[in-house]
Amino acid sequence: MTLQYKQDNERFYVCNDNNQEIAEMTFTRIGQDKATINHTYTDPNYRGQGIADKLLELVVKVLMQEKREIIPLCSFAASKLAN
């Protein structure tokens, strides 16, 4: 199985071999220097494989490159970024 990680304007998502979307993480840019991570979802059949961790890594990388303060509103991002 090959997973494809893709990016929209304020969303990263993952598709499987059948091009079905199986996970996503959304964020919102606020002004020039802040962003919230709003939502994380992984299809139950794909949980436990580190997909959401990889999405978080991609989102954080983009927002850090933009020099934004990250405000994690979703519980998954909040728990991971607190560590």
PDB file of N, CA and C in Angstrom:
ATOM      1  N   MET A   1       0.846  -1.190   0.000  1.00  0.00           N
ATOM      2  CA  MET A   1       0.000   0.000   0.000  1.00  0.00           C
ATOM      3  C   MET A   1       0.882   1.241   0.000  1.00  0.00           C
ATOM      4  N   THR A   2       0.569   2.141  -0.899  1.00  0.00           N
ATOM      5  CA  THR A   2       1.283   3.406  -0.981  1.00  0.00           C
ATOM      6  C   THR A   2       0.330   4.529  -0.591  1.00  0.00           C
ATOM      7  N   LEU A   3       0.750   5.359   0.355  1.00  0.00           N
ATOM      8  CA  LEU A   3      -0.056   6.504   0.762  1.00  0.00           C
ATOM      9  C   LEU A   3       0.506   7.755   0.120  1.00  0.00           C
ATOM     10  N   GLN A   4      -0.385   8.617  -0.322  1.00  0.00           N
ATOM     11  CA  GLN A   4       0.008   9.883  -0.930  1.00  0.00           C
ATOM     12  C   GLN A   4      -0.395  11.015   0.000  1.00  0.00           C
ATOM     13  N   TYR A   5       0.594  11.799   0.418  1.00  0.00           N
ATOM     14  CA  TYR A   5       0.335  12.970   1.263  1.00  0.00           C
ATOM     15  C   TYR A   5       0.199  14.168   0.343  1.00  0.00           C
ATOM     16  N   LYS A   6      -0.906  14.891   0.486  1.00  0.00           N
ATOM     17  CA  LYS A   6      -1.205  16.020  -0.401  1.00  0.00           C
ATOM     18  C   LYS A   6      -1.523  17.257   0.423  1.00  0.00           C
ATOM     19  N   GLN A   7      -1.436  18.414  -0.230  1.00  0.00           N
ATOM     20  CA  GLN A   7      -1.692  19.683   0.463  1.00  0.00           C
ATOM     21  C   GLN A   7      -2.644  20.549  -0.334  1.00  0.00           C
ATOM     22  N   ASP A   8      -3.632  21.097   0.356  1.00  0.00           N
ATOM     23  CA  ASP A   8      -4.465  22.181  -0.164  1.00  0.00           C
ATOM     24  C   ASP A   8      -3.987  23.447   0.531  1.00  0.00           C
ATOM     25  N   ASN A   9      -4.702  24.525   0.375  1.00  0.00           N
ATOM     26  CA  ASN A   9      -4.291  25.795   0.965  1.00  0.00           C
ATOM     27  C   ASN A   9      -4.123  25.712   2.476  1.00  0.00           C
ATOM     28  N   GLU A  10      -5.109  25.213   3.180  1.00  0.00           N
ATOM     29  CA  GLU A  10      -5.041  25.128   4.645  1.00  0.00           C
ATOM     30  C   GLU A  10      -5.425  23.724   5.122  1.00  0.00           C
ATOM     31  N   ARG A  11      -4.872  22.735   4.424  1.00  0.00           N
ATOM     32  CA  ARG A  11      -5.207  21.349   4.751  1.00  0.00           C
ATOM     33  C   ARG A  11      -4.168  20.417   4.140  1.00  0.00           C
ATOM     34  N   PHE A  12      -3.755  19.453   4.935  1.00  0.00           N
ATOM     35  CA  PHE A  12      -2.992  18.323   4.416  1.00  0.00           C
ATOM     36  C   PHE A  12      -3.901  17.112   4.504  1.00  0.00           C
ATOM     37  N   TYR A  13      -3.796  16.212   3.528  1.00  0.00           N
ATOM     38  CA  TYR A  13      -4.624  15.018   3.550  1.00  0.00           C
ATOM     39  C   TYR A  13      -3.881  13.859   2.916  1.00  0.00           C
ATOM     40  N   VAL A  14      -4.415  12.673   3.129  1.00  0.00           N
ATOM     41  CA  VAL A  14      -3.760  11.445   2.679  1.00  0.00           C
ATOM     42  C   VAL A  14      -4.753  10.621   1.874  1.00  0.00           C
ATOM     43  N   CYS A  15      -4.267  10.102   0.746  1.00  0.00           N
ATOM     44  CA  CYS A  15      -5.076   9.207  -0.076  1.00  0.00           C
ATOM     45  C   CYS A  15      -4.392   7.847  -0.166  1.00  0.00           C
ATOM     46  N   ASN A  16      -5.206   6.806  -0.262  1.00  0.00           N
ATOM     47  CA  ASN A  16      -4.669   5.454  -0.403  1.00  0.00           C
ATOM     48  C   ASN A  16      -4.475   5.114  -1.875  1.00  0.00           C
ATOM     49  N   ASP A  17      -4.164   3.850  -2.170  1.00  0.00           N
ATOM     50  CA  ASP A  17      -3.921   3.407  -3.545  1.00  0.00           C
ATOM     51  C   ASP A  17      -5.112   3.634  -4.471  1.00  0.00           C
ATOM     52  N   ASN A  18      -6.313   3.634  -3.918  1.00  0.00           N
ATOM     53  CA  ASN A  18      -7.531   3.833  -4.713  1.00  0.00           C
ATOM     54  C   ASN A  18      -7.924   5.302  -4.808  1.00  0.00           C
ATOM     55  N   ASN A  19      -7.020   6.186  -4.383  1.00  0.00           N
ATOM     56  CA  ASN A  19      -7.246   7.632  -4.373  1.00  0.00           C
ATOM     57  C   ASN A  19      -8.403   8.033  -3.453  1.00  0.00           C
ATOM     58  N   GLN A  20      -8.686   7.205  -2.449  1.00  0.00           N
ATOM     59  CA  GLN A  20      -9.687   7.543  -1.443  1.00  0.00           C
ATOM     60  C   GLN A  20      -8.997   8.315  -0.329  1.00  0.00           C
ATOM     61  N   GLU A  21      -9.633   9.393   0.099  1.00  0.00           N
ATOM     62  CA  GLU A  21      -9.081  10.174   1.203  1.00  0.00           C
ATOM     63  C   GLU A  21      -9.282   9.413   2.504  1.00  0.00           C
ATOM     64  N   ILE A  22      -8.177   9.209   3.250  1.00  0.00           N
ATOM     65  CA  ILE A  22      -8.261   8.407   4.469  1.00  0.00           C
ATOM     66  C   ILE A  22      -7.893   9.196   5.725  1.00  0.00           C
ATOM     67  N   ALA A  23      -7.336  10.386   5.560  1.00  0.00           N
ATOM     68  CA  ALA A  23      -6.953  11.192   6.724  1.00  0.00           C
ATOM     69  C   ALA A  23      -6.800  12.640   6.304  1.00  0.00           C
ATOM     70  N   GLU A  24      -6.949  13.534   7.297  1.00  0.00           N
ATOM     71  CA  GLU A  24      -6.738  14.957   7.018  1.00  0.00           C
ATOM     72  C   GLU A  24      -6.398  15.702   8.292  1.00  0.00           C
ATOM     73  N   MET A  25      -5.752  16.842   8.102  1.00  0.00           N
ATOM     74  CA  MET A  25      -5.507  17.787   9.186  1.00  0.00           C
ATOM     75  C   MET A  25      -5.720  19.179   8.593  1.00  0.00           C
ATOM     76  N   THR A  26      -6.571  19.965   9.257  1.00  0.00           N
ATOM     77  CA  THR A  26      -6.855  21.309   8.765  1.00  0.00           C
ATOM     78  C   THR A  26      -6.267  22.343   9.712  1.00  0.00           C
ATOM     79  N   PHE A  27      -5.931  23.494   9.138  1.00  0.00           N
ATOM     80  CA  PHE A  27      -5.390  24.602   9.919  1.00  0.00           C
ATOM     81  C   PHE A  27      -5.869  25.906   9.307  1.00  0.00           C
ATOM     82  N   THR A  28      -5.780  26.976  10.087  1.00  0.00           N
ATOM     83  CA  THR A  28      -6.210  28.295   9.635  1.00  0.00           C
ATOM     84  C   THR A  28      -5.126  29.301   9.960  1.00  0.00           C
ATOM     85  N   ARG A  29      -4.709  30.042   8.954  1.00  0.00           N
ATOM     86  CA  ARG A  29      -3.756  31.134   9.179  1.00  0.00           C
ATOM     87  C   ARG A  29      -4.519  32.341   9.717  1.00  0.00           C
ATOM     88  N   ILE A  30      -3.953  32.963  10.748  1.00  0.00           N
ATOM     89  CA  ILE A  30      -4.586  34.123  11.370  1.00  0.00           C
ATOM     90  C   ILE A  30      -3.599  35.285  11.279  1.00  0.00           C
ATOM     91  N   GLY A  31      -4.002  36.318  10.562  1.00  0.00           N
ATOM     92  CA  GLY A  31      -3.106  37.463  10.417  1.00  0.00           C
ATOM     93  C   GLY A  31      -1.794  37.056   9.774  1.00  0.00           C
ATOM     94  N   GLN A  32      -0.726  37.730  10.196  1.00  0.00           N
ATOM     95  CA  GLN A  32       0.592  37.476   9.614  1.00  0.00           C
ATOM     96  C   GLN A  32       1.451  36.518  10.413  1.00  0.00           C
ATOM     97  N   ASP A  33       1.050  36.234  11.681  1.00  0.00           N
ATOM     98  CA  ASP A  33       2.003  35.521  12.527  1.00  0.00           C
ATOM     99  C   ASP A  33       1.424  34.395  13.382  1.00  0.00           C
ATOM    100  N   LYS A  34       0.174  33.996  13.157  1.00  0.00           N
ATOM    101  CA  LYS A  34      -0.429  32.933  13.959  1.00  0.00           C
ATOM    102  C   LYS A  34      -1.171  31.961  13.058  1.00  0.00           C
ATOM    103  N   ALA A  35      -1.416  30.771  13.596  1.00  0.00           N
ATOM    104  CA  ALA A  35      -2.236  29.769  12.907  1.00  0.00           C
ATOM    105  C   ALA A  35      -2.793  28.802  13.937  1.00  0.00           C
ATOM    106  N   THR A  36      -3.982  28.318  13.677  1.00  0.00           N
ATOM    107  CA  THR A  36      -4.573  27.292  14.523  1.00  0.00           C
ATOM    108  C   THR A  36      -4.570  25.966  13.756  1.00  0.00           C
ATOM    109  N   ILE A  37      -4.383  24.878  14.492  1.00  0.00           N
ATOM    110  CA  ILE A  37      -4.625  23.557  13.931  1.00  0.00           C
ATOM    111  C   ILE A  37      -5.993  23.153  14.450  1.00  0.00           C
ATOM    112  N   ASN A  38      -6.936  22.996  13.536  1.00  0.00           N
ATOM    113  CA  ASN A  38      -8.347  22.894  13.891  1.00  0.00           C
ATOM    114  C   ASN A  38      -8.877  21.473  14.045  1.00  0.00           C
ATOM    115  N   HIS A  39      -8.379  20.571  13.218  1.00  0.00           N
ATOM    116  CA  HIS A  39      -9.065  19.278  13.104  1.00  0.00           C
ATOM    117  C   HIS A  39      -8.099  18.224  12.586  1.00  0.00           C
ATOM    118  N   THR A  40      -8.196  17.036  13.143  1.00  0.00           N
ATOM    119  CA  THR A  40      -7.441  15.880  12.665  1.00  0.00           C
ATOM    120  C   THR A  40      -8.388  14.703  12.573  1.00  0.00           C
ATOM    121  N   TYR A  41      -8.311  13.988  11.469  1.00  0.00           N
ATOM    122  CA  TYR A  41      -9.134  12.786  11.306  1.00  0.00           C
ATOM    123  C   TYR A  41      -8.338  11.725  10.558  1.00  0.00           C
ATOM    124  N   THR A  42      -8.420  10.498  11.026  1.00  0.00           N
ATOM    125  CA  THR A  42      -7.878   9.344  10.314  1.00  0.00           C
ATOM    126  C   THR A  42      -8.949   8.266  10.289  1.00  0.00           C
ATOM    127  N   ASP A  43      -9.196   7.714   9.121  1.00  0.00           N
ATOM    128  CA  ASP A  43     -10.144   6.615   8.969  1.00  0.00           C
ATOM    129  C   ASP A  43      -9.769   5.507   9.962  1.00  0.00           C
ATOM    130  N   PRO A  44     -10.755   4.959  10.674  1.00  0.00           N
ATOM    131  CA  PRO A  44     -10.456   3.934  11.679  1.00  0.00           C
ATOM    132  C   PRO A  44      -9.645   2.753  11.149  1.00  0.00           C
ATOM    133  N   ASN A  45      -9.805   2.408   9.880  1.00  0.00           N
ATOM    134  CA  ASN A  45      -9.062   1.288   9.293  1.00  0.00           C
ATOM    135  C   ASN A  45      -7.569   1.579   9.145  1.00  0.00           C
ATOM    136  N   TYR A  46      -7.175   2.842   9.271  1.00  0.00           N
ATOM    137  CA  TYR A  46      -5.785   3.240   9.069  1.00  0.00           C
ATOM    138  C   TYR A  46      -5.137   3.809  10.331  1.00  0.00           C
ATOM    139  N   ARG A  47      -5.851   3.787  11.436  1.00  0.00           N
ATOM    140  CA  ARG A  47      -5.300   4.336  12.680  1.00  0.00           C
ATOM    141  C   ARG A  47      -4.177   3.463  13.212  1.00  0.00           C
ATOM    142  N   GLY A  48      -3.290   4.067  13.990  1.00  0.00           N
ATOM    143  CA  GLY A  48      -2.197   3.327  14.598  1.00  0.00           C
ATOM    144  C   GLY A  48      -0.996   3.127  13.693  1.00  0.00           C
ATOM    145  N   GLN A  49      -0.982   3.790  12.546  1.00  0.00           N
ATOM    146  CA  GLN A  49       0.110   3.654  11.589  1.00  0.00           C
ATOM    147  C   GLN A  49       0.986   4.901  11.502  1.00  0.00           C
ATOM    148  N   GLY A  50       0.707   5.896  12.354  1.00  0.00           N
ATOM    149  CA  GLY A  50       1.511   7.112  12.359  1.00  0.00           C
ATOM    150  C   GLY A  50       1.128   8.125  11.296  1.00  0.00           C
ATOM    151  N   ILE A  51      -0.014   7.930  10.663  1.00  0.00           N
ATOM    152  CA  ILE A  51      -0.437   8.836   9.597  1.00  0.00           C
ATOM    153  C   ILE A  51      -0.711  10.234  10.147  1.00  0.00           C
ATOM    154  N   ALA A  52      -1.437  10.332  11.249  1.00  0.00           N
ATOM    155  CA  ALA A  52      -1.737  11.645  11.841  1.00  0.00           C
ATOM    156  C   ALA A  52      -0.460  12.319  12.329  1.00  0.00           C
ATOM    157  N   ASP A  53       0.481  11.542  12.847  1.00  0.00           N
ATOM    158  CA  ASP A  53       1.770  12.116  13.270  1.00  0.00           C
ATOM    159  C   ASP A  53       2.487  12.751  12.088  1.00  0.00           C
ATOM    160  N   LYS A  54       2.471  12.077  10.945  1.00  0.00           N
ATOM    161  CA  LYS A  54       3.121  12.601   9.745  1.00  0.00           C
ATOM    162  C   LYS A  54       2.405  13.862   9.263  1.00  0.00           C
ATOM    163  N   LEU A  55       1.074  13.864   9.320  1.00  0.00           N
ATOM    164  CA  LEU A  55       0.327  15.070   8.933  1.00  0.00           C
ATOM    165  C   LEU A  55       0.707  16.241   9.834  1.00  0.00           C
ATOM    166  N   LEU A  56       0.792  15.979  11.132  1.00  0.00           N
ATOM    167  CA  LEU A  56       1.172  17.038  12.069  1.00  0.00           C
ATOM    168  C   LEU A  56       2.566  17.554  11.747  1.00  0.00           C
ATOM    169  N   GLU A  57       3.473  16.664  11.454  1.00  0.00           N
ATOM    170  CA  GLU A  57       4.832  17.058  11.093  1.00  0.00           C
ATOM    171  C   GLU A  57       4.829  17.976   9.861  1.00  0.00           C
ATOM    172  N   LEU A  58       4.031  17.643   8.861  1.00  0.00           N
ATOM    173  CA  LEU A  58       3.957  18.457   7.648  1.00  0.00           C
ATOM    174  C   LEU A  58       3.361  19.838   7.923  1.00  0.00           C
ATOM    175  N   VAL A  59       2.273  19.869   8.708  1.00  0.00           N
ATOM    176  CA  VAL A  59       1.631  21.141   9.039  1.00  0.00           C
ATOM    177  C   VAL A  59       2.582  22.023   9.841  1.00  0.00           C
ATOM    178  N   VAL A  60       3.214  21.463  10.856  1.00  0.00           N
ATOM    179  CA  VAL A  60       4.128  22.236  11.693  1.00  0.00           C
ATOM    180  C   VAL A  60       5.285  22.765  10.852  1.00  0.00           C
ATOM    181  N   LYS A  61       5.807  21.961   9.958  1.00  0.00           N
ATOM    182  CA  LYS A  61       6.920  22.402   9.094  1.00  0.00           C
ATOM    183  C   LYS A  61       6.528  23.628   8.275  1.00  0.00           C
ATOM    184  N   VAL A  62       5.354  23.589   7.661  1.00  0.00           N
ATOM    185  CA  VAL A  62       4.888  24.720   6.849  1.00  0.00           C
ATOM    186  C   VAL A  62       4.704  25.966   7.712  1.00  0.00           C
ATOM    187  N   LEU A  63       4.044  25.799   8.857  1.00  0.00           N
ATOM    188  CA  LEU A  63       3.757  26.959   9.697  1.00  0.00           C
ATOM    189  C   LEU A  63       5.028  27.535  10.326  1.00  0.00           C
ATOM    190  N   MET A  64       5.977  26.689  10.655  1.00  0.00           N
ATOM    191  CA  MET A  64       7.248  27.186  11.197  1.00  0.00           C
ATOM    192  C   MET A  64       8.036  27.933  10.115  1.00  0.00           C
ATOM    193  N   GLN A  65       8.004  27.437   8.890  1.00  0.00           N
ATOM    194  CA  GLN A  65       8.662  28.135   7.787  1.00  0.00           C
ATOM    195  C   GLN A  65       8.064  29.521   7.583  1.00  0.00           C
ATOM    196  N   GLU A  66       6.779  29.647   7.866  1.00  0.00           N
ATOM    197  CA  GLU A  66       6.095  30.937   7.752  1.00  0.00           C
ATOM    198  C   GLU A  66       6.251  31.768   9.026  1.00  0.00           C
ATOM    199  N   LYS A  67       7.001  31.230   9.997  1.00  0.00           N
ATOM    200  CA  LYS A  67       7.262  31.910  11.274  1.00  0.00           C
ATOM    201  C   LYS A  67       5.972  32.258  12.018  1.00  0.00           C
ATOM    202  N   ARG A  68       5.075  31.288  12.085  1.00  0.00           N
ATOM    203  CA  ARG A  68       3.794  31.489  12.766  1.00  0.00           C
ATOM    204  C   ARG A  68       3.777  30.797  14.123  1.00  0.00           C
ATOM    205  N   GLU A  69       3.142  31.445  15.073  1.00  0.00           N
ATOM    206  CA  GLU A  69       2.850  30.805  16.352  1.00  0.00           C
ATOM    207  C   GLU A  69       1.721  29.811  16.100  1.00  0.00           C
ATOM    208  N   ILE A  70       1.887  28.591  16.574  1.00  0.00           N
ATOM    209  CA  ILE A  70       0.888  27.545  16.346  1.00  0.00           C
ATOM    210  C   ILE A  70       0.005  27.402  17.576  1.00  0.00           C
ATOM    211  N   ILE A  71      -1.294  27.500  17.363  1.00  0.00           N
ATOM    212  CA  ILE A  71      -2.279  27.347  18.427  1.00  0.00           C
ATOM    213  C   ILE A  71      -3.059  26.064  18.123  1.00  0.00           C
ATOM    214  N   PRO A  72      -2.767  24.982  18.835  1.00  0.00           N
ATOM    215  CA  PRO A  72      -3.445  23.715  18.544  1.00  0.00           C
ATOM    216  C   PRO A  72      -4.823  23.648  19.201  1.00  0.00           C
ATOM    217  N   LEU A  73      -5.867  23.705  18.399  1.00  0.00           N
ATOM    218  CA  LEU A  73      -7.228  23.635  18.918  1.00  0.00           C
ATOM    219  C   LEU A  73      -7.754  22.209  18.963  1.00  0.00           C
ATOM    220  N   CYS A  74      -7.307  21.361  18.068  1.00  0.00           N
ATOM    221  CA  CYS A  74      -7.784  19.972  18.112  1.00  0.00           C
ATOM    222  C   CYS A  74      -7.008  19.211  19.174  1.00  0.00           C
ATOM    223  N   SER A  75      -7.670  18.252  19.785  1.00  0.00           N
ATOM    224  CA  SER A  75      -7.066  17.538  20.920  1.00  0.00           C
ATOM    225  C   SER A  75      -5.835  16.733  20.509  1.00  0.00           C
ATOM    226  N   PHE A  76      -5.818  16.172  19.311  1.00  0.00           N
ATOM    227  CA  PHE A  76      -4.664  15.388  18.875  1.00  0.00           C
ATOM    228  C   PHE A  76      -3.427  16.292  18.791  1.00  0.00           C
ATOM    229  N   ALA A  77      -3.543  17.408  18.079  1.00  0.00           N
ATOM    230  CA  ALA A  77      -2.390  18.315  17.941  1.00  0.00           C
ATOM    231  C   ALA A  77      -1.989  18.885  19.284  1.00  0.00           C
ATOM    232  N   ALA A  78      -2.948  19.233  20.116  1.00  0.00           N
ATOM    233  CA  ALA A  78      -2.637  19.795  21.431  1.00  0.00           C
ATOM    234  C   ALA A  78      -1.836  18.806  22.272  1.00  0.00           C
ATOM    235  N   SER A  79      -2.235  17.541  22.270  1.00  0.00           N
ATOM    236  CA  SER A  79      -1.527  16.552  23.079  1.00  0.00           C
ATOM    237  C   SER A  79      -0.131  16.281  22.531  1.00  0.00           C
ATOM    238  N   LYS A  80       0.025  16.231  21.232  1.00  0.00           N
ATOM    239  CA  LYS A  80       1.328  15.954  20.624  1.00  0.00           C
ATOM    240  C   LYS A  80       2.289  17.128  20.803  1.00  0.00           C
ATOM    241  N   LEU A  81       1.777  18.340  20.646  1.00  0.00           N
ATOM    242  CA  LEU A  81       2.653  19.524  20.743  1.00  0.00           C
ATOM    243  C   LEU A  81       2.993  19.879  22.183  1.00  0.00           C
ATOM    244  N   ALA A  82       2.237  19.333  23.140  1.00  0.00           N
ATOM    245  CA  ALA A  82       2.525  19.593  24.547  1.00  0.00           C
ATOM    246  C   ALA A  82       3.723  18.781  25.031  1.00  0.00           C
ATOM    247  N   ASN A  83       4.079  17.731  24.323  1.00  0.00           N
ATOM    248  CA  ASN A  83       5.189  16.856  24.724  1.00  0.00           C
ATOM    249  C   ASN A  83       6.539  17.455  24.382  1.00  0.00           C
TER     250      ASN A  83
END
